Structure formats: structure tokens, C-alpha cells
N, C-alpha and C. Protein backbone atom coordinates (compact mmCIF):
# COMPACT_ATOMS: atom_id res chain seq x y z
N MET A 1 31.95 -56.66 -50.13
CA MET A 1 30.87 -55.81 -50.14
C MET A 1 30.74 -55.89 -52.17
N SER A 2 29.39 -56.21 -52.64
CA SER A 2 29.74 -56.54 -54.39
C SER A 2 29.27 -54.72 -54.88
N VAL A 3 29.74 -55.18 -56.27
CA VAL A 3 29.75 -54.05 -56.68
C VAL A 3 28.05 -53.93 -57.86
N ASN A 4 27.36 -52.72 -57.72
CA ASN A 4 26.00 -52.90 -58.02
C ASN A 4 25.88 -51.87 -59.45
N ASP A 5 26.91 -51.27 -59.76
CA ASP A 5 26.50 -50.15 -61.00
C ASP A 5 27.78 -49.71 -61.34
N ILE A 6 27.83 -49.11 -62.62
CA ILE A 6 29.33 -48.56 -63.07
C ILE A 6 29.95 -47.51 -62.52
N PRO A 7 29.08 -46.52 -61.90
CA PRO A 7 30.17 -45.59 -60.54
C PRO A 7 30.57 -46.43 -59.59
N GLY A 8 30.02 -47.55 -59.16
CA GLY A 8 30.71 -48.23 -58.12
C GLY A 8 31.83 -49.06 -58.67
N ALA A 9 31.60 -49.53 -60.08
CA ALA A 9 32.88 -50.27 -60.49
C ALA A 9 34.14 -49.42 -60.59
N ILE A 10 33.54 -48.12 -61.31
CA ILE A 10 34.96 -47.45 -61.66
C ILE A 10 35.47 -46.98 -60.31
N ASP A 11 34.79 -46.53 -59.01
CA ASP A 11 35.42 -46.13 -58.04
C ASP A 11 36.32 -47.34 -57.54
N LEU A 12 35.99 -48.72 -57.43
CA LEU A 12 36.55 -49.78 -57.14
C LEU A 12 37.57 -49.83 -57.80
N ILE A 13 37.83 -49.69 -59.24
CA ILE A 13 38.98 -49.90 -59.95
C ILE A 13 39.99 -48.82 -59.91
N LYS A 14 39.46 -47.48 -59.58
CA LYS A 14 40.31 -46.16 -59.42
C LYS A 14 41.23 -46.44 -58.07
N ALA A 15 40.60 -47.00 -56.79
CA ALA A 15 41.03 -47.34 -55.59
C ALA A 15 41.97 -48.48 -55.74
N TRP A 16 41.75 -49.15 -56.33
CA TRP A 16 42.78 -50.63 -56.57
C TRP A 16 43.88 -50.35 -57.48
N MET A 17 43.69 -49.47 -58.50
CA MET A 17 45.19 -49.02 -59.18
C MET A 17 45.55 -47.91 -58.36
N ASP A 18 45.21 -47.15 -57.55
CA ASP A 18 45.87 -46.44 -56.60
C ASP A 18 46.63 -46.80 -55.52
N GLN A 19 45.88 -48.11 -54.93
CA GLN A 19 46.43 -48.73 -53.88
C GLN A 19 47.71 -49.81 -54.66
N ARG A 20 47.50 -50.17 -55.73
CA ARG A 20 48.61 -51.01 -56.32
C ARG A 20 49.76 -50.06 -56.63
N GLY A 21 49.59 -48.73 -56.62
CA GLY A 21 50.76 -47.82 -57.07
C GLY A 21 50.95 -47.76 -58.91
N ILE A 22 49.85 -48.03 -59.66
CA ILE A 22 49.75 -48.24 -60.96
C ILE A 22 49.73 -46.51 -61.34
N SER A 23 51.06 -45.86 -61.38
CA SER A 23 50.73 -44.26 -61.50
C SER A 23 50.57 -43.93 -62.99
N ASN A 24 50.98 -45.09 -63.80
CA ASN A 24 50.66 -44.91 -65.18
C ASN A 24 48.98 -45.58 -65.63
N GLY A 25 48.44 -45.75 -64.62
CA GLY A 25 46.95 -46.11 -64.91
C GLY A 25 46.08 -45.01 -65.11
N ILE A 26 45.43 -45.17 -66.29
CA ILE A 26 44.38 -43.85 -66.59
C ILE A 26 42.80 -44.46 -66.97
N GLU A 27 42.02 -43.38 -66.53
CA GLU A 27 40.89 -43.80 -67.25
C GLU A 27 40.71 -43.18 -68.58
N THR A 28 40.50 -43.93 -69.68
CA THR A 28 40.08 -43.36 -71.16
C THR A 28 38.83 -42.35 -70.95
N LYS A 29 39.18 -41.31 -71.41
CA LYS A 29 37.95 -40.39 -71.68
C LYS A 29 38.09 -39.60 -73.16
N PRO A 30 37.31 -39.21 -73.78
CA PRO A 30 35.82 -40.13 -73.98
C PRO A 30 36.50 -41.58 -74.28
N THR A 31 35.50 -42.60 -73.71
CA THR A 31 35.81 -44.02 -74.35
C THR A 31 35.57 -44.31 -75.49
N PRO A 32 36.15 -45.42 -75.73
CA PRO A 32 35.72 -45.87 -77.45
C PRO A 32 34.70 -46.30 -77.56
N GLU A 33 33.84 -46.06 -78.74
CA GLU A 33 32.69 -46.73 -79.09
C GLU A 33 32.36 -48.13 -78.69
N GLY A 34 31.05 -48.47 -78.06
CA GLY A 34 30.87 -49.45 -77.11
C GLY A 34 31.46 -50.25 -76.01
N VAL A 35 32.06 -48.86 -75.30
CA VAL A 35 32.59 -49.02 -74.61
C VAL A 35 31.93 -48.30 -73.15
N SER A 36 31.42 -48.72 -71.92
CA SER A 36 30.94 -47.83 -71.12
C SER A 36 32.34 -47.15 -70.02
N PHE A 37 33.16 -47.88 -69.93
CA PHE A 37 34.71 -47.29 -69.22
C PHE A 37 36.09 -47.93 -69.75
N GLN A 38 36.63 -47.71 -69.66
CA GLN A 38 38.18 -48.46 -69.83
C GLN A 38 39.28 -47.44 -69.12
N PHE A 39 40.23 -48.36 -68.56
CA PHE A 39 41.43 -48.09 -67.83
C PHE A 39 42.82 -48.70 -68.01
N THR A 40 43.88 -48.36 -68.22
CA THR A 40 44.61 -48.87 -68.89
C THR A 40 45.91 -48.51 -67.87
N GLY A 41 46.83 -49.31 -67.83
CA GLY A 41 47.76 -49.49 -66.90
C GLY A 41 48.84 -50.25 -67.39
N LYS A 42 49.84 -50.14 -66.56
CA LYS A 42 50.88 -51.28 -66.74
C LYS A 42 51.60 -52.17 -65.52
N ASP A 43 51.60 -53.52 -65.63
CA ASP A 43 51.90 -54.43 -64.54
C ASP A 43 53.54 -54.08 -64.32
N ILE A 44 53.59 -54.46 -62.98
CA ILE A 44 55.32 -53.99 -62.59
C ILE A 44 56.26 -54.36 -63.64
N THR A 45 55.90 -55.37 -64.54
CA THR A 45 56.95 -56.23 -65.34
C THR A 45 56.76 -54.93 -66.83
N GLY A 46 55.79 -54.19 -66.72
CA GLY A 46 55.74 -53.41 -67.87
C GLY A 46 55.04 -53.70 -68.91
N ILE A 47 54.31 -54.87 -68.84
CA ILE A 47 53.24 -55.51 -69.56
C ILE A 47 51.92 -54.44 -69.57
N PRO A 48 51.63 -54.18 -70.68
CA PRO A 48 50.23 -53.10 -70.39
C PRO A 48 48.97 -54.05 -70.45
N PHE A 49 48.22 -53.42 -69.77
CA PHE A 49 46.85 -54.05 -69.64
C PHE A 49 45.46 -53.00 -69.98
N ALA A 50 44.51 -53.60 -70.05
CA ALA A 50 43.27 -52.82 -69.88
C ALA A 50 42.29 -53.66 -69.12
N ILE A 51 41.24 -52.45 -68.54
CA ILE A 51 40.07 -52.83 -67.70
C ILE A 51 39.05 -52.45 -68.33
N ILE A 52 38.23 -53.01 -68.72
CA ILE A 52 37.08 -52.37 -69.93
C ILE A 52 35.71 -52.91 -69.29
N GLN A 53 34.63 -52.11 -69.78
CA GLN A 53 33.30 -52.71 -69.61
C GLN A 53 32.71 -52.54 -70.65
N PRO A 54 32.64 -53.46 -71.49
CA PRO A 54 31.57 -53.30 -73.02
C PRO A 54 30.14 -52.76 -72.66
N ASP A 55 29.84 -51.99 -73.84
CA ASP A 55 28.31 -51.56 -73.27
C ASP A 55 27.29 -52.91 -73.13
N MET A 56 27.89 -53.62 -73.85
CA MET A 56 26.61 -54.98 -74.00
C MET A 56 26.77 -56.15 -72.76
N TRP A 57 27.71 -55.58 -71.81
CA TRP A 57 27.90 -56.34 -70.62
C TRP A 57 27.62 -55.53 -69.59
N LYS A 58 26.42 -55.31 -68.99
CA LYS A 58 25.95 -54.25 -68.17
C LYS A 58 26.47 -54.69 -66.95
N ARG A 59 27.02 -55.51 -66.36
CA ARG A 59 27.45 -56.06 -65.02
C ARG A 59 28.67 -57.20 -65.02
N MET A 60 29.63 -56.39 -65.85
CA MET A 60 31.17 -57.33 -66.07
C MET A 60 31.91 -56.30 -66.44
N VAL A 61 33.14 -56.57 -66.20
CA VAL A 61 34.43 -56.15 -66.46
C VAL A 61 34.98 -57.30 -67.27
N LEU A 62 36.07 -56.56 -68.39
CA LEU A 62 36.95 -57.48 -69.04
C LEU A 62 38.27 -56.81 -68.70
N ILE A 63 39.11 -57.85 -68.29
CA ILE A 63 40.64 -57.40 -68.32
C ILE A 63 41.20 -58.04 -69.29
N VAL A 64 42.10 -57.32 -70.21
CA VAL A 64 42.93 -57.48 -71.48
C VAL A 64 44.21 -57.38 -71.45
N SER A 65 45.26 -58.05 -71.93
CA SER A 65 46.60 -57.94 -72.31
C SER A 65 46.78 -58.54 -73.49
N GLU A 66 47.74 -57.84 -74.41
CA GLU A 66 47.65 -58.23 -75.56
C GLU A 66 49.25 -58.04 -76.12
N VAL A 67 49.61 -59.38 -76.86
CA VAL A 67 51.05 -59.60 -77.40
C VAL A 67 50.85 -59.14 -78.75
N THR A 68 51.67 -58.17 -79.27
CA THR A 68 51.96 -57.74 -80.66
C THR A 68 52.85 -58.47 -81.01
N ILE A 69 52.84 -59.35 -82.20
CA ILE A 69 54.19 -60.01 -82.75
C ILE A 69 54.58 -59.21 -83.98
N ASN A 70 55.76 -58.30 -83.65
CA ASN A 70 56.20 -57.48 -84.69
C ASN A 70 56.63 -58.04 -86.05
N ASP A 71 56.78 -57.10 -87.11
CA ASP A 71 56.96 -57.77 -88.43
C ASP A 71 58.36 -58.39 -88.54
N ASP A 72 59.25 -58.01 -87.68
CA ASP A 72 60.60 -58.92 -87.78
C ASP A 72 60.38 -60.08 -87.33
N ARG A 73 59.68 -60.49 -86.25
CA ARG A 73 59.26 -61.75 -85.79
C ARG A 73 58.24 -62.77 -87.07
N VAL A 74 57.32 -61.85 -87.37
CA VAL A 74 56.47 -62.65 -88.18
C VAL A 74 57.23 -62.70 -89.30
N LYS A 75 58.21 -62.29 -90.13
CA LYS A 75 59.23 -62.61 -91.00
C LYS A 75 59.75 -63.56 -90.61
N SER A 76 60.50 -64.00 -89.35
CA SER A 76 61.08 -64.88 -89.31
C SER A 76 60.22 -66.16 -88.89
N ILE A 77 59.31 -65.99 -88.21
CA ILE A 77 58.27 -67.13 -88.60
C ILE A 77 58.02 -67.89 -89.96
N GLU A 78 57.63 -67.05 -90.70
CA GLU A 78 57.27 -67.00 -92.30
C GLU A 78 58.48 -67.66 -92.63
N ALA A 79 59.66 -67.40 -92.57
CA ALA A 79 60.58 -67.99 -93.20
C ALA A 79 61.20 -69.46 -92.81
N MET A 80 60.57 -69.90 -91.43
CA MET A 80 61.27 -71.11 -90.79
C MET A 80 60.62 -72.03 -92.04
N ARG A 81 61.10 -73.12 -92.18
CA ARG A 81 60.85 -74.33 -92.69
C ARG A 81 59.53 -74.92 -92.44
N GLN A 82 58.45 -75.35 -93.31
CA GLN A 82 57.28 -75.61 -93.03
C GLN A 82 57.21 -76.30 -91.63
N GLU A 83 57.79 -77.65 -91.73
CA GLU A 83 57.82 -78.55 -90.57
C GLU A 83 58.20 -77.72 -88.98
N ASP A 84 59.37 -76.90 -89.22
CA ASP A 84 59.64 -76.05 -88.13
C ASP A 84 58.37 -75.15 -87.78
N ARG A 85 57.85 -74.68 -88.55
CA ARG A 85 56.89 -73.54 -88.23
C ARG A 85 55.68 -73.97 -87.59
N ASP A 86 55.36 -75.32 -88.39
CA ASP A 86 54.14 -76.01 -87.70
C ASP A 86 54.47 -76.35 -86.35
N ALA A 87 55.26 -76.93 -86.20
CA ALA A 87 55.64 -77.41 -84.88
C ALA A 87 55.87 -76.24 -84.10
N PHE A 88 56.36 -75.18 -84.32
CA PHE A 88 56.39 -74.00 -83.21
C PHE A 88 55.20 -73.77 -83.31
N LEU A 89 54.29 -73.17 -83.83
CA LEU A 89 52.72 -72.66 -83.70
C LEU A 89 51.99 -73.78 -83.31
N TYR A 90 52.18 -74.87 -83.46
CA TYR A 90 51.62 -76.11 -82.78
C TYR A 90 51.71 -76.04 -81.29
N ASN A 91 53.22 -75.83 -80.97
CA ASN A 91 53.40 -75.91 -79.30
C ASN A 91 53.13 -74.60 -79.02
N LEU A 92 53.17 -73.56 -79.48
CA LEU A 92 52.85 -72.40 -78.93
C LEU A 92 51.03 -72.49 -78.33
N GLN A 93 50.48 -72.82 -79.28
CA GLN A 93 49.24 -72.65 -79.11
C GLN A 93 48.76 -74.09 -78.08
N LYS A 94 49.15 -75.04 -78.00
CA LYS A 94 49.20 -76.06 -76.95
C LYS A 94 49.29 -75.51 -75.73
N ASP A 95 50.64 -74.92 -75.91
CA ASP A 95 50.82 -74.34 -74.40
C ASP A 95 49.89 -73.19 -73.95
N ILE A 96 49.49 -72.31 -75.07
CA ILE A 96 48.75 -71.27 -74.52
C ILE A 96 47.34 -71.57 -73.98
N THR A 97 46.73 -72.61 -74.55
CA THR A 97 45.75 -72.99 -74.13
C THR A 97 45.64 -73.57 -72.81
N PHE A 98 46.72 -73.99 -72.10
CA PHE A 98 46.79 -74.30 -70.56
C PHE A 98 47.17 -72.78 -69.62
N LEU A 99 47.33 -71.85 -70.40
CA LEU A 99 47.33 -70.69 -69.43
C LEU A 99 46.17 -70.43 -68.82
N PRO A 100 46.24 -69.63 -67.44
CA PRO A 100 45.26 -69.22 -66.93
C PRO A 100 43.97 -68.35 -67.39
N ALA A 101 44.78 -67.49 -68.45
CA ALA A 101 43.57 -66.42 -69.11
C ALA A 101 43.39 -67.26 -70.67
N PRO A 102 41.84 -67.07 -70.91
CA PRO A 102 41.55 -67.39 -72.33
C PRO A 102 42.31 -66.73 -73.55
N PHE A 103 42.44 -67.34 -74.69
CA PHE A 103 43.30 -66.06 -75.51
C PHE A 103 42.44 -66.19 -76.80
N ALA A 104 42.85 -65.06 -77.86
CA ALA A 104 42.25 -65.15 -78.95
C ALA A 104 43.71 -64.51 -80.21
N TYR A 105 43.25 -65.18 -81.35
CA TYR A 105 44.29 -64.28 -81.88
C TYR A 105 43.70 -63.35 -82.66
N ASP A 106 44.79 -62.54 -83.57
CA ASP A 106 44.30 -61.39 -84.21
C ASP A 106 43.38 -61.89 -85.56
N PRO A 107 42.35 -60.97 -86.10
CA PRO A 107 41.69 -61.70 -87.05
C PRO A 107 42.59 -62.05 -88.52
N THR A 108 43.68 -61.48 -88.85
CA THR A 108 44.49 -62.13 -89.79
C THR A 108 44.81 -63.35 -89.85
N TYR A 109 44.86 -64.06 -88.48
CA TYR A 109 45.37 -65.48 -88.11
C TYR A 109 44.77 -66.35 -89.10
N GLU A 110 43.08 -66.51 -89.40
CA GLU A 110 42.80 -67.30 -90.02
C GLU A 110 43.18 -67.38 -91.51
N LYS A 111 43.46 -66.03 -91.93
CA LYS A 111 44.18 -66.29 -93.30
C LYS A 111 45.35 -66.64 -93.46
N THR A 112 46.31 -66.15 -92.63
CA THR A 112 47.83 -66.26 -92.88
C THR A 112 48.24 -67.60 -92.06
N GLY A 113 47.72 -67.97 -90.78
CA GLY A 113 48.01 -69.28 -90.14
C GLY A 113 49.05 -68.69 -89.23
N ILE A 114 49.65 -67.39 -89.41
CA ILE A 114 50.51 -67.05 -88.43
C ILE A 114 50.05 -65.89 -87.67
N PRO A 115 50.13 -65.92 -86.36
CA PRO A 115 49.24 -64.64 -85.45
C PRO A 115 49.98 -63.78 -85.15
N LYS A 116 49.63 -62.59 -85.46
CA LYS A 116 50.36 -61.10 -85.29
C LYS A 116 50.12 -60.62 -84.13
N GLY A 117 49.40 -61.12 -83.40
CA GLY A 117 48.84 -60.48 -81.94
C GLY A 117 47.74 -61.89 -81.23
N ILE A 118 47.88 -61.59 -80.19
CA ILE A 118 47.62 -62.79 -79.04
C ILE A 118 47.26 -61.83 -77.97
N GLN A 119 45.50 -62.00 -77.72
CA GLN A 119 44.98 -61.29 -76.54
C GLN A 119 44.56 -62.29 -75.52
N PHE A 120 44.77 -62.07 -74.47
CA PHE A 120 44.43 -62.82 -73.23
C PHE A 120 43.56 -61.78 -72.46
N SER A 121 42.20 -62.40 -71.94
CA SER A 121 41.44 -61.91 -71.41
C SER A 121 40.65 -62.87 -69.88
N LYS A 122 40.11 -62.15 -69.02
CA LYS A 122 39.41 -62.52 -67.94
C LYS A 122 38.53 -61.51 -67.64
N GLU A 123 37.23 -62.27 -67.29
CA GLU A 123 35.89 -61.69 -67.14
C GLU A 123 35.79 -61.56 -65.49
N ILE A 124 35.10 -60.62 -65.20
CA ILE A 124 34.57 -60.63 -63.65
C ILE A 124 33.31 -59.91 -63.39
N CYS A 125 32.37 -60.55 -63.17
CA CYS A 125 31.04 -60.06 -62.86
C CYS A 125 31.17 -59.25 -61.54
N TYR A 126 29.92 -58.21 -61.77
CA TYR A 126 29.81 -57.18 -60.57
C TYR A 126 29.83 -57.86 -59.33
N ASP A 127 29.10 -58.88 -59.30
CA ASP A 127 29.00 -59.65 -58.18
C ASP A 127 30.19 -60.06 -57.17
N GLY A 128 31.02 -60.43 -58.16
CA GLY A 128 32.50 -60.72 -57.79
C GLY A 128 33.54 -59.81 -57.90
N LEU A 129 33.45 -58.68 -58.26
CA LEU A 129 34.18 -57.76 -58.41
C LEU A 129 34.92 -57.06 -57.12
N THR A 130 36.04 -57.41 -56.99
CA THR A 130 36.84 -57.16 -55.77
C THR A 130 38.24 -56.58 -56.03
N GLU A 131 38.88 -55.96 -55.21
CA GLU A 131 40.44 -55.92 -55.27
C GLU A 131 40.97 -57.11 -55.35
N ASP A 132 40.62 -58.15 -54.78
CA ASP A 132 41.48 -59.40 -54.66
C ASP A 132 41.22 -59.94 -56.48
N ARG A 133 40.27 -60.18 -56.71
CA ARG A 133 39.81 -60.46 -58.27
C ARG A 133 40.49 -59.80 -59.32
N LEU A 134 40.37 -58.43 -58.69
CA LEU A 134 41.36 -57.66 -59.97
C LEU A 134 42.79 -58.25 -60.03
N ASN A 135 43.25 -58.32 -59.05
CA ASN A 135 44.72 -58.63 -58.62
C ASN A 135 44.75 -60.06 -59.29
N ASP A 136 44.33 -60.76 -59.36
CA ASP A 136 44.23 -62.41 -59.85
C ASP A 136 44.07 -62.35 -61.49
N ALA A 137 43.00 -61.29 -61.96
CA ALA A 137 42.49 -61.21 -62.95
C ALA A 137 44.07 -60.65 -63.89
N VAL A 138 44.16 -59.52 -63.45
CA VAL A 138 45.58 -58.63 -64.23
C VAL A 138 46.77 -59.57 -63.96
N ARG A 139 46.78 -60.28 -62.92
CA ARG A 139 48.00 -61.41 -62.71
C ARG A 139 48.13 -62.15 -64.15
N ASP A 140 46.95 -62.75 -63.90
CA ASP A 140 46.59 -64.09 -65.12
C ASP A 140 46.90 -63.53 -66.50
N VAL A 141 46.36 -62.40 -67.13
CA VAL A 141 46.41 -62.04 -68.43
C VAL A 141 47.98 -61.16 -68.70
N VAL A 142 48.77 -60.75 -67.64
CA VAL A 142 50.07 -60.35 -67.73
C VAL A 142 50.69 -61.38 -68.10
N LYS A 143 50.77 -62.67 -67.16
CA LYS A 143 51.31 -63.74 -66.86
C LYS A 143 51.03 -64.58 -67.96
N SER A 144 50.04 -64.65 -68.72
CA SER A 144 50.24 -65.19 -70.37
C SER A 144 50.99 -64.22 -71.03
N ALA A 145 50.30 -63.14 -70.99
CA ALA A 145 51.45 -62.23 -72.12
C ALA A 145 52.86 -62.56 -72.19
N LEU A 146 53.31 -62.51 -70.73
CA LEU A 146 54.89 -62.51 -70.81
C LEU A 146 55.40 -63.94 -71.40
N PHE A 147 54.40 -65.12 -70.82
CA PHE A 147 54.69 -66.32 -71.39
C PHE A 147 55.00 -66.15 -72.92
N VAL A 148 54.25 -65.57 -73.50
CA VAL A 148 54.36 -65.99 -74.98
C VAL A 148 55.58 -65.08 -75.69
N ILE A 149 55.88 -63.83 -74.82
CA ILE A 149 56.83 -62.96 -75.20
C ILE A 149 58.30 -63.81 -74.85
N TRP A 150 58.47 -64.42 -73.85
CA TRP A 150 59.25 -65.22 -73.33
C TRP A 150 59.53 -66.30 -74.40
N ARG A 151 58.37 -67.37 -74.81
CA ARG A 151 58.75 -68.23 -75.76
C ARG A 151 58.78 -67.93 -77.32
N ILE A 152 58.53 -66.82 -77.37
CA ILE A 152 58.96 -66.15 -79.14
C ILE A 152 60.46 -65.58 -78.90
N ARG A 153 60.86 -65.15 -77.80
CA ARG A 153 62.40 -64.66 -77.73
C ARG A 153 63.37 -65.98 -77.62
N LYS A 154 62.76 -66.98 -76.88
CA LYS A 154 63.68 -68.05 -76.96
C LYS A 154 63.61 -68.72 -78.22
N GLU A 155 62.56 -68.74 -79.02
CA GLU A 155 62.48 -69.60 -80.23
C GLU A 155 63.38 -68.59 -81.60
N LEU A 156 63.26 -67.28 -81.34
CA LEU A 156 63.56 -66.42 -82.37
C LEU A 156 64.85 -65.65 -82.01
N GLY A 157 64.93 -65.26 -80.71
CA GLY A 157 66.11 -64.16 -80.41
C GLY A 157 65.63 -63.06 -79.87
N ASN A 158 66.07 -61.99 -79.35
CA ASN A 158 65.71 -60.68 -79.43
C ASN A 158 65.32 -60.03 -80.44
N SER A 159 64.44 -59.12 -80.89
CA SER A 159 64.18 -58.87 -81.75
C SER A 159 64.87 -57.58 -82.23
N LYS A 160 64.97 -57.09 -83.63
CA LYS A 160 65.59 -55.63 -83.54
C LYS A 160 64.75 -54.62 -83.14
N GLN A 161 63.57 -54.81 -83.45
CA GLN A 161 62.47 -53.72 -83.16
C GLN A 161 61.88 -53.43 -81.68
N GLY A 162 62.56 -54.14 -80.83
CA GLY A 162 62.25 -54.20 -79.53
C GLY A 162 61.17 -54.94 -78.67
């Protein structure tokens, strides 16, 4: 059965979170400006994600997970030799291009050339909004975020900031 409106989408998402045991999953009220509704939760790996419906999309939800690259790691990337930094960032971008969720760098990337955050997202239109599609979308954005975390840890070691 397809979802036809915002209350139907909210009910389906609440039921899905409850059925999945996402006890830390919450509906944000009031919602941020420009958002019809927003839910946040954490995957079993501890990776946070959000399910939102921007006001501009009347029949679609967006599942998002973001990796914030802390200052300690940004400084480590900046301290790399130029050729090592270029190779690391090229390989990171090449690899995340083939992940199951599209990505976007934080707005400062255009100026600095070093990402301070990478956001992964998946869209689901109401006519395909099911528990199965939510499972897949959350898995895809979380898996993508986890890949970046592991890649940065492999290259830079464990962070002092956590």
C-alpha cells in the first residue's frame, strides 16, 4: 500500500522505527524551517541518520547521514605533503562516488579543497515509501558514512577527539 500524504508517511516511519527497535528515534517538534517533518535515530552501529521531508518536496522523503571530519583530522590532512593529500582526497572521492548513496561535501570544500563534512542521502517518493525501502535507504546512507569513517581512520589513525 502506497503512502499518499504527510500523516501517512509519518505513521509509516514511526511504525518502522518502532518495529526496528530504534528506541533513540525521535520526531523533531517543532521542525526546522523548510521541513514538513523530521525523524532522527541511530543505526545499530551508532551512526546517526535523519528522515526528513523538505517542504519543497510534497511527496518525497530524504534519508540523510553525515560524517563530520573533526578539526584534529582536518589539520592532519592539511599537514600532509601536497602530493599525499591530493592522492588521499582523490582516492576518497573516487571511492565514495561508487557508494550506494549520493554524497555532497560541506560548503567550505569549494574554498579549502578539504572536506570538513560529507553528507550521504537517498530519496524515496511516496509511491515507493515502504518499510523495505526505508531499510534499504538507511542501510545505504549509514554504510556510506561508515566507509568514510573507516577510510579516514585507516589513513590517519584514531582521532584524539573521538
